[in-house]
Amino acid sequence: MPSSDLAIPFFGYKSHVSIDRKYRFIRKWKTTHAAANDGARLREGLLDKTNTASSVWADTAYRSKDNEDFMEKQGFVSKVHRKKPHLKPMPRHIQKSNAGKSVIRSRVEHVFADQKSQTGLFVRTVGISRATMRIGLANIVYNMRRLLFLERLNASA
């Protein structure tokens, strides 16, 4: 009788977050499967009109004509990275602009790094609802830890 392996299916998921630039709290978030187009998520409720800042800082995956039009109609200012021209070197002024945007945008990457290192976030589930729940709980834990950090910082000052 030939040996058989038990196949346990698991899929990749992405966490899209909108954070407060000043305090770095996660304000809105969305979970998608890994193959989903990042750019379309911007128009699905990630942007927060109640946020006092109107600038949107994001990487090149979120730059599209539809997103730029959407942000303009909603009153947001686009600070989305520009893409490198196909088969051409990146123009110097775009390189400098992207570098400046990266300083602000890196705050979101710090959120993901914190979730991965501190909470050991590794989503290996079957089904988007389970992944959404796991990522959502990780986001709540991150916000709670961030609040405690800010309160300790304020108490010591």
C-alpha atoms as a PDB file:
ATOM      1  CA  MET A   1       0.000   0.000   0.000  1.00  0.00           C
ATOM      2  CA  PRO A   2       1.553   3.334  -1.035  1.00  0.00           C
ATOM      3  CA  SER A   3       2.057   5.980   1.613  1.00  0.00           C
ATOM      4  CA  SER A   4      -0.102   9.039   1.389  1.00  0.00           C
ATOM      5  CA  ASP A   5       0.418  12.507   2.784  1.00  0.00           C
ATOM      6  CA  LEU A   6      -2.328  14.337   4.534  1.00  0.00           C
ATOM      7  CA  ALA A   7      -2.779  17.647   2.757  1.00  0.00           C
ATOM      8  CA  ILE A   8      -3.786  20.534   4.993  1.00  0.00           C
ATOM      9  CA  PRO A   9      -4.706  23.526   2.873  1.00  0.00           C
ATOM     10  CA  PHE A  10      -3.743  26.982   4.068  1.00  0.00           C
ATOM     11  CA  PHE A  11      -3.694  30.270   2.262  1.00  0.00           C
ATOM     12  CA  GLY A  12      -1.956  33.605   2.491  1.00  0.00           C
ATOM     13  CA  TYR A  13      -3.684  36.726   3.705  1.00  0.00           C
ATOM     14  CA  LYS A  14      -2.887  40.423   3.725  1.00  0.00           C
ATOM     15  CA  SER A  15      -3.646  42.997   6.345  1.00  0.00           C
ATOM     16  CA  HIS A  16      -4.333  46.512   5.075  1.00  0.00           C
ATOM     17  CA  VAL A  17      -4.327  49.177   7.795  1.00  0.00           C
ATOM     18  CA  SER A  18      -4.945  52.868   8.143  1.00  0.00           C
ATOM     19  CA  ILE A  19      -3.090  54.386  11.077  1.00  0.00           C
ATOM     20  CA  ASP A  20      -3.040  57.701  12.850  1.00  0.00           C
ATOM     21  CA  ARG A  21       0.180  59.440  11.856  1.00  0.00           C
ATOM     22  CA  LYS A  22       0.783  61.118  15.202  1.00  0.00           C
ATOM     23  CA  TYR A  23      -0.063  58.381  17.715  1.00  0.00           C
ATOM     24  CA  ARG A  24       0.205  55.344  15.404  1.00  0.00           C
ATOM     25  CA  PHE A  25      -3.095  53.764  16.378  1.00  0.00           C
ATOM     26  CA  ILE A  26      -4.760  51.490  13.839  1.00  0.00           C
ATOM     27  CA  ARG A  27      -7.922  53.359  12.846  1.00  0.00           C
ATOM     28  CA  LYS A  28      -9.270  51.113  10.082  1.00  0.00           C
ATOM     29  CA  TRP A  29      -8.215  47.761   8.691  1.00  0.00           C
ATOM     30  CA  LYS A  30      -9.171  45.178   6.115  1.00  0.00           C
ATOM     31  CA  THR A  31      -8.107  41.587   5.549  1.00  0.00           C
ATOM     32  CA  THR A  32      -7.907  40.092   2.058  1.00  0.00           C
ATOM     33  CA  HIS A  33      -6.514  36.965   0.479  1.00  0.00           C
ATOM     34  CA  ALA A  34      -2.945  37.294  -0.752  1.00  0.00           C
ATOM     35  CA  ALA A  35      -3.846  37.401  -4.442  1.00  0.00           C
ATOM     36  CA  ALA A  36      -6.180  40.394  -4.058  1.00  0.00           C
ATOM     37  CA  ASN A  37      -5.179  43.641  -5.731  1.00  0.00           C
ATOM     38  CA  ASP A  38      -3.931  46.048  -3.036  1.00  0.00           C
ATOM     39  CA  GLY A  39      -5.043  49.187  -4.830  1.00  0.00           C
ATOM     40  CA  ALA A  40      -8.738  48.379  -4.772  1.00  0.00           C
ATOM     41  CA  ARG A  41      -8.749  48.185  -0.943  1.00  0.00           C
ATOM     42  CA  LEU A  42      -8.215  51.928  -0.682  1.00  0.00           C
ATOM     43  CA  ARG A  43     -11.717  52.557  -1.999  1.00  0.00           C
ATOM     44  CA  GLU A  44     -13.272  49.945   0.307  1.00  0.00           C
ATOM     45  CA  GLY A  45     -13.354  51.975   3.496  1.00  0.00           C
ATOM     46  CA  LEU A  46      -9.701  52.178   4.523  1.00  0.00           C
ATOM     47  CA  LEU A  47      -9.643  55.958   4.413  1.00  0.00           C
ATOM     48  CA  ASP A  48     -11.035  57.704   7.474  1.00  0.00           C
ATOM     49  CA  LYS A  49     -12.816  61.031   6.972  1.00  0.00           C
ATOM     50  CA  THR A  50     -12.928  61.618  10.743  1.00  0.00           C
ATOM     51  CA  ASN A  51      -9.132  61.654  10.855  1.00  0.00           C
ATOM     52  CA  THR A  52      -7.797  65.189  11.247  1.00  0.00           C
ATOM     53  CA  ALA A  53      -5.118  64.649   8.595  1.00  0.00           C
ATOM     54  CA  SER A  54      -6.131  64.560   4.962  1.00  0.00           C
ATOM     55  CA  SER A  55      -2.914  63.119   3.504  1.00  0.00           C
ATOM     56  CA  VAL A  56      -2.771  59.506   2.340  1.00  0.00           C
ATOM     57  CA  TRP A  57       0.669  57.883   2.530  1.00  0.00           C
ATOM     58  CA  ALA A  58       0.917  54.528   0.753  1.00  0.00           C
ATOM     59  CA  ASP A  59       3.228  52.428  -1.395  1.00  0.00           C
ATOM     60  CA  THR A  60       3.079  52.061  -5.177  1.00  0.00           C
ATOM     61  CA  ALA A  61       0.563  49.207  -5.041  1.00  0.00           C
ATOM     62  CA  TYR A  62      -2.100  51.772  -4.109  1.00  0.00           C
ATOM     63  CA  ARG A  63      -1.331  54.195  -6.960  1.00  0.00           C
ATOM     64  CA  SER A  64      -3.835  54.083  -9.779  1.00  0.00           C
ATOM     65  CA  LYS A  65      -5.915  56.568 -11.711  1.00  0.00           C
ATOM     66  CA  ASP A  66      -9.075  55.323  -9.974  1.00  0.00           C
ATOM     67  CA  ASN A  67      -7.540  55.765  -6.516  1.00  0.00           C
ATOM     68  CA  GLU A  68      -6.174  59.214  -7.325  1.00  0.00           C
ATOM     69  CA  ASP A  69      -9.606  60.322  -8.571  1.00  0.00           C
ATOM     70  CA  PHE A  70     -11.302  58.781  -5.541  1.00  0.00           C
ATOM     71  CA  MET A  71      -8.975  60.544  -3.101  1.00  0.00           C
ATOM     72  CA  GLU A  72      -9.439  63.878  -4.859  1.00  0.00           C
ATOM     73  CA  LYS A  73     -13.250  63.567  -4.788  1.00  0.00           C
ATOM     74  CA  GLN A  74     -13.198  62.593  -1.096  1.00  0.00           C
ATOM     75  CA  GLY A  75     -10.938  65.521  -0.155  1.00  0.00           C
ATOM     76  CA  PHE A  76      -7.771  63.546   0.544  1.00  0.00           C
ATOM     77  CA  VAL A  77      -4.284  64.604  -0.537  1.00  0.00           C
ATOM     78  CA  SER A  78      -2.346  61.817  -2.250  1.00  0.00           C
ATOM     79  CA  LYS A  79       1.153  61.134  -0.958  1.00  0.00           C
ATOM     80  CA  VAL A  80       1.290  57.734  -2.616  1.00  0.00           C
ATOM     81  CA  HIS A  81       4.662  56.558  -3.923  1.00  0.00           C
ATOM     82  CA  ARG A  82       5.259  56.901  -7.638  1.00  0.00           C
ATOM     83  CA  LYS A  83       6.156  53.903  -9.744  1.00  0.00           C
ATOM     84  CA  LYS A  84       9.396  53.558 -11.677  1.00  0.00           C
ATOM     85  CA  PRO A  85       8.877  54.097 -15.415  1.00  0.00           C
ATOM     86  CA  HIS A  86       8.991  50.829 -17.344  1.00  0.00           C
ATOM     87  CA  LEU A  87      12.470  50.092 -18.760  1.00  0.00           C
ATOM     88  CA  LYS A  88      13.765  53.525 -17.735  1.00  0.00           C
ATOM     89  CA  PRO A  89      15.734  54.717 -14.726  1.00  0.00           C
ATOM     90  CA  MET A  90      13.820  56.407 -11.938  1.00  0.00           C
ATOM     91  CA  PRO A  91      14.001  60.205 -12.371  1.00  0.00           C
ATOM     92  CA  ARG A  92      15.958  61.913  -9.584  1.00  0.00           C
ATOM     93  CA  HIS A  93      13.083  64.147  -8.453  1.00  0.00           C
ATOM     94  CA  ILE A  94      10.758  61.132  -8.087  1.00  0.00           C
ATOM     95  CA  GLN A  95      13.456  59.271  -6.142  1.00  0.00           C
ATOM     96  CA  LYS A  96      13.747  62.180  -3.701  1.00  0.00           C
ATOM     97  CA  SER A  97       9.984  62.497  -3.418  1.00  0.00           C
ATOM     98  CA  ASN A  98       9.563  58.776  -2.722  1.00  0.00           C
ATOM     99  CA  ALA A  99      12.365  58.883  -0.131  1.00  0.00           C
ATOM    100  CA  GLY A 100      10.582  61.671   1.735  1.00  0.00           C
ATOM    101  CA  LYS A 101       7.301  59.764   1.608  1.00  0.00           C
ATOM    102  CA  SER A 102       9.013  56.627   2.921  1.00  0.00           C
ATOM    103  CA  VAL A 103       9.895  58.364   6.183  1.00  0.00           C
ATOM    104  CA  ILE A 104       6.202  58.779   6.989  1.00  0.00           C
ATOM    105  CA  ARG A 105       5.023  55.531   5.388  1.00  0.00           C
ATOM    106  CA  SER A 106       7.504  53.491   7.409  1.00  0.00           C
ATOM    107  CA  ARG A 107       5.310  54.034  10.477  1.00  0.00           C
ATOM    108  CA  VAL A 108       2.850  51.530   9.046  1.00  0.00           C
ATOM    109  CA  GLU A 109       5.635  49.019   8.506  1.00  0.00           C
ATOM    110  CA  HIS A 110       6.575  49.428  12.172  1.00  0.00           C
ATOM    111  CA  VAL A 111       3.032  48.386  13.102  1.00  0.00           C
ATOM    112  CA  PHE A 112       3.385  45.180  11.083  1.00  0.00           C
ATOM    113  CA  ALA A 113       6.845  44.497  12.503  1.00  0.00           C
ATOM    114  CA  ASP A 114       5.541  44.980  16.047  1.00  0.00           C
ATOM    115  CA  GLN A 115       2.669  42.592  15.423  1.00  0.00           C
ATOM    116  CA  LYS A 116       4.980  39.968  14.038  1.00  0.00           C
ATOM    117  CA  SER A 117       7.674  40.233  16.711  1.00  0.00           C
ATOM    118  CA  GLN A 118       5.655  40.948  19.852  1.00  0.00           C
ATOM    119  CA  THR A 119       2.516  38.913  19.237  1.00  0.00           C
ATOM    120  CA  GLY A 120       4.047  36.287  16.959  1.00  0.00           C
ATOM    121  CA  LEU A 121       1.401  36.980  14.336  1.00  0.00           C
ATOM    122  CA  PHE A 122       1.488  34.283  11.701  1.00  0.00           C
ATOM    123  CA  VAL A 123      -1.816  33.657   9.981  1.00  0.00           C
ATOM    124  CA  ARG A 124      -2.156  30.109   8.816  1.00  0.00           C
ATOM    125  CA  THR A 125      -5.856  29.461   8.669  1.00  0.00           C
ATOM    126  CA  VAL A 126      -8.408  28.163   6.219  1.00  0.00           C
ATOM    127  CA  GLY A 127     -11.031  30.742   5.390  1.00  0.00           C
ATOM    128  CA  ILE A 128     -11.048  34.510   5.200  1.00  0.00           C
ATOM    129  CA  SER A 129     -13.345  34.828   8.236  1.00  0.00           C
ATOM    130  CA  ARG A 130     -10.851  33.072  10.531  1.00  0.00           C
ATOM    131  CA  ALA A 131      -7.982  35.124   9.127  1.00  0.00           C
ATOM    132  CA  THR A 132     -10.002  38.320   9.565  1.00  0.00           C
ATOM    133  CA  MET A 133     -10.705  37.425  13.188  1.00  0.00           C
ATOM    134  CA  ARG A 134      -7.073  36.612  13.934  1.00  0.00           C
ATOM    135  CA  ILE A 135      -5.749  39.768  12.271  1.00  0.00           C
ATOM    136  CA  GLY A 136      -8.478  41.853  13.918  1.00  0.00           C
ATOM    137  CA  LEU A 137      -7.529  40.564  17.356  1.00  0.00           C
ATOM    138  CA  ALA A 138      -3.866  41.285  16.634  1.00  0.00           C
ATOM    139  CA  ASN A 139      -4.846  44.854  15.672  1.00  0.00           C
ATOM    140  CA  ILE A 140      -6.776  45.300  18.931  1.00  0.00           C
ATOM    141  CA  VAL A 141      -3.843  43.966  20.942  1.00  0.00           C
ATOM    142  CA  TYR A 142      -1.494  46.317  19.105  1.00  0.00           C
ATOM    143  CA  ASN A 143      -3.725  49.333  19.864  1.00  0.00           C
ATOM    144  CA  MET A 144      -3.987  48.349  23.538  1.00  0.00           C
ATOM    145  CA  ARG A 145      -0.209  47.937  23.828  1.00  0.00           C
ATOM    146  CA  ARG A 146       0.312  51.251  22.048  1.00  0.00           C
ATOM    147  CA  LEU A 147      -2.086  53.024  24.423  1.00  0.00           C
ATOM    148  CA  LEU A 148      -0.268  51.608  27.449  1.00  0.00           C
ATOM    149  CA  PHE A 149       3.061  52.725  25.994  1.00  0.00           C
ATOM    150  CA  LEU A 150       1.787  56.264  25.384  1.00  0.00           C
ATOM    151  CA  GLU A 151       0.299  56.449  28.890  1.00  0.00           C
ATOM    152  CA  ARG A 152       3.607  55.340  30.451  1.00  0.00           C
ATOM    153  CA  LEU A 153       5.450  57.872  28.321  1.00  0.00           C
ATOM    154  CA  ASN A 154       3.052  60.627  29.396  1.00  0.00           C
ATOM    155  CA  ALA A 155       3.271  59.635  33.066  1.00  0.00           C
ATOM    156  CA  SER A 156       7.074  59.820  33.070  1.00  0.00           C
ATOM    157  CA  ALA A 157       7.118  63.262  31.406  1.00  0.00           C
END
